[in-house]
Amino acid sequence: MTSVGAPDETREAAELAVWFGGVSVACWFCCPFWMLVCFLALPMGLAGLVRACVEYRASTQGRASRPRAVAGGVLSLLGAAAAVAYLIFLGTHPDLPAQG
């Protein structure tokens, strides 16, 4: 993590939860092949959740932004939850991917 007196460029480079969460959510809107998207969005969402927890802890010491950590955690949770929901949907409808 960066120190309290670090420049803004270094501080923003260390705050990656929003980027992971944004990618995990944006994949669902940008790519029509959801069967492939869920395998990209799930790891990105989980990585974003872990990173959001790290950044939230760092925010208590002033090394990161708390609103960015919370926003990254929410976006990551949405992306990961959508991936899990879609995998459950595919599991309950095994004939769906075969239709075309």
Protein backbone atom coordinates (compact mmCIF):
# COMPACT_ATOMS: atom_id res chain seq x y z
CA MET A 1 0.00 0.00 0.00
CA THR A 2 1.02 3.60 -0.33
CA SER A 3 1.80 6.01 2.47
CA VAL A 4 -0.46 8.82 3.65
CA GLY A 5 1.62 11.48 1.93
CA ALA A 6 1.81 9.66 -1.38
CA PRO A 7 1.04 11.49 -4.62
CA ASP A 8 -2.43 11.05 -6.10
CA GLU A 9 -1.14 9.04 -9.07
CA THR A 10 0.34 6.39 -6.79
CA ARG A 11 -2.70 6.37 -4.52
CA GLU A 12 -5.14 5.90 -7.44
CA ALA A 13 -2.96 3.19 -8.96
CA ALA A 14 -3.22 1.27 -5.70
CA GLU A 15 -7.03 1.49 -5.67
CA LEU A 16 -8.03 -1.25 -8.08
CA ALA A 17 -11.34 -2.47 -6.61
CA VAL A 18 -13.38 -0.11 -8.78
CA TRP A 19 -11.60 -1.31 -11.91
CA PHE A 20 -12.09 -5.00 -11.11
CA GLY A 21 -15.73 -4.41 -10.23
CA GLY A 22 -16.33 -2.25 -13.29
CA VAL A 23 -14.88 -4.88 -15.61
CA SER A 24 -16.94 -7.64 -13.99
CA VAL A 25 -20.14 -5.64 -14.54
CA ALA A 26 -19.25 -4.16 -17.94
CA CYS A 27 -18.62 -7.62 -19.40
CA TRP A 28 -22.30 -8.44 -19.01
CA PHE A 29 -23.35 -5.39 -21.04
CA CYS A 30 -20.64 -5.48 -23.71
CA CYS A 31 -20.48 -9.13 -24.73
CA PRO A 32 -23.51 -11.12 -25.90
CA PHE A 33 -21.85 -14.51 -25.21
CA TRP A 34 -22.86 -14.81 -21.57
CA MET A 35 -21.65 -18.39 -21.27
CA LEU A 36 -18.11 -17.13 -21.85
CA VAL A 37 -18.60 -13.89 -19.92
CA CYS A 38 -19.48 -15.65 -16.68
CA PHE A 39 -16.06 -17.33 -16.63
CA LEU A 40 -14.39 -13.92 -16.93
CA ALA A 41 -16.74 -11.96 -14.67
CA LEU A 42 -16.61 -14.39 -11.74
CA PRO A 43 -12.84 -14.24 -11.13
CA MET A 44 -12.77 -10.50 -11.78
CA GLY A 45 -15.62 -9.98 -9.32
CA LEU A 46 -14.00 -12.13 -6.66
CA ALA A 47 -10.66 -10.36 -7.12
CA GLY A 48 -12.48 -7.05 -6.83
CA LEU A 49 -14.17 -8.14 -3.60
CA VAL A 50 -10.84 -9.14 -2.07
CA ARG A 51 -9.23 -5.92 -3.25
CA ALA A 52 -12.17 -3.89 -1.87
CA CYS A 53 -11.69 -5.49 1.54
CA VAL A 54 -7.97 -4.66 1.47
CA GLU A 55 -8.68 -1.09 0.38
CA TYR A 56 -11.39 -0.66 3.00
CA ARG A 57 -8.96 -1.69 5.72
CA ALA A 58 -6.37 0.68 4.29
CA SER A 59 -8.92 3.50 4.31
CA THR A 60 -9.10 3.37 8.09
CA GLN A 61 -5.44 4.42 8.13
CA GLY A 62 -5.88 7.06 5.44
CA ARG A 63 -4.02 5.15 2.74
CA ALA A 64 -7.02 4.67 0.44
CA SER A 65 -10.39 6.19 -0.31
CA ARG A 66 -13.29 4.62 1.58
CA PRO A 67 -16.00 5.57 -0.99
CA ARG A 68 -13.93 4.05 -3.80
CA ALA A 69 -13.43 0.86 -1.79
CA VAL A 70 -17.16 0.59 -1.11
CA ALA A 71 -18.07 1.35 -4.73
CA GLY A 72 -15.57 -1.26 -5.93
CA GLY A 73 -16.98 -3.79 -3.51
CA VAL A 74 -20.55 -3.15 -4.66
CA LEU A 75 -19.61 -3.39 -8.35
CA SER A 76 -17.59 -6.54 -7.74
CA LEU A 77 -20.43 -8.09 -5.77
CA LEU A 78 -22.88 -7.33 -8.61
CA GLY A 79 -20.59 -8.82 -11.25
CA ALA A 80 -19.82 -11.95 -9.21
CA ALA A 81 -23.47 -12.42 -8.20
CA ALA A 82 -24.57 -12.16 -11.82
CA ALA A 83 -22.01 -14.79 -12.80
CA VAL A 84 -23.10 -17.16 -10.04
CA ALA A 85 -26.77 -16.62 -10.89
CA TYR A 86 -26.10 -17.35 -14.55
CA LEU A 87 -24.14 -20.51 -13.71
CA ILE A 88 -27.02 -21.67 -11.50
CA PHE A 89 -29.44 -20.90 -14.33
CA LEU A 90 -27.34 -22.97 -16.74
CA GLY A 91 -27.18 -25.80 -14.21
CA THR A 92 -30.94 -25.94 -13.86
CA HIS A 93 -31.51 -25.70 -17.62
CA PRO A 94 -28.95 -28.09 -19.14
CA ASP A 95 -30.61 -28.14 -22.56
CA LEU A 96 -30.44 -24.35 -23.00
CA PRO A 97 -26.86 -24.04 -24.37
CA ALA A 98 -27.59 -26.80 -26.89
CA GLN A 99 -30.44 -24.78 -28.38
CA GLY A 100 -29.41 -22.38 -31.03
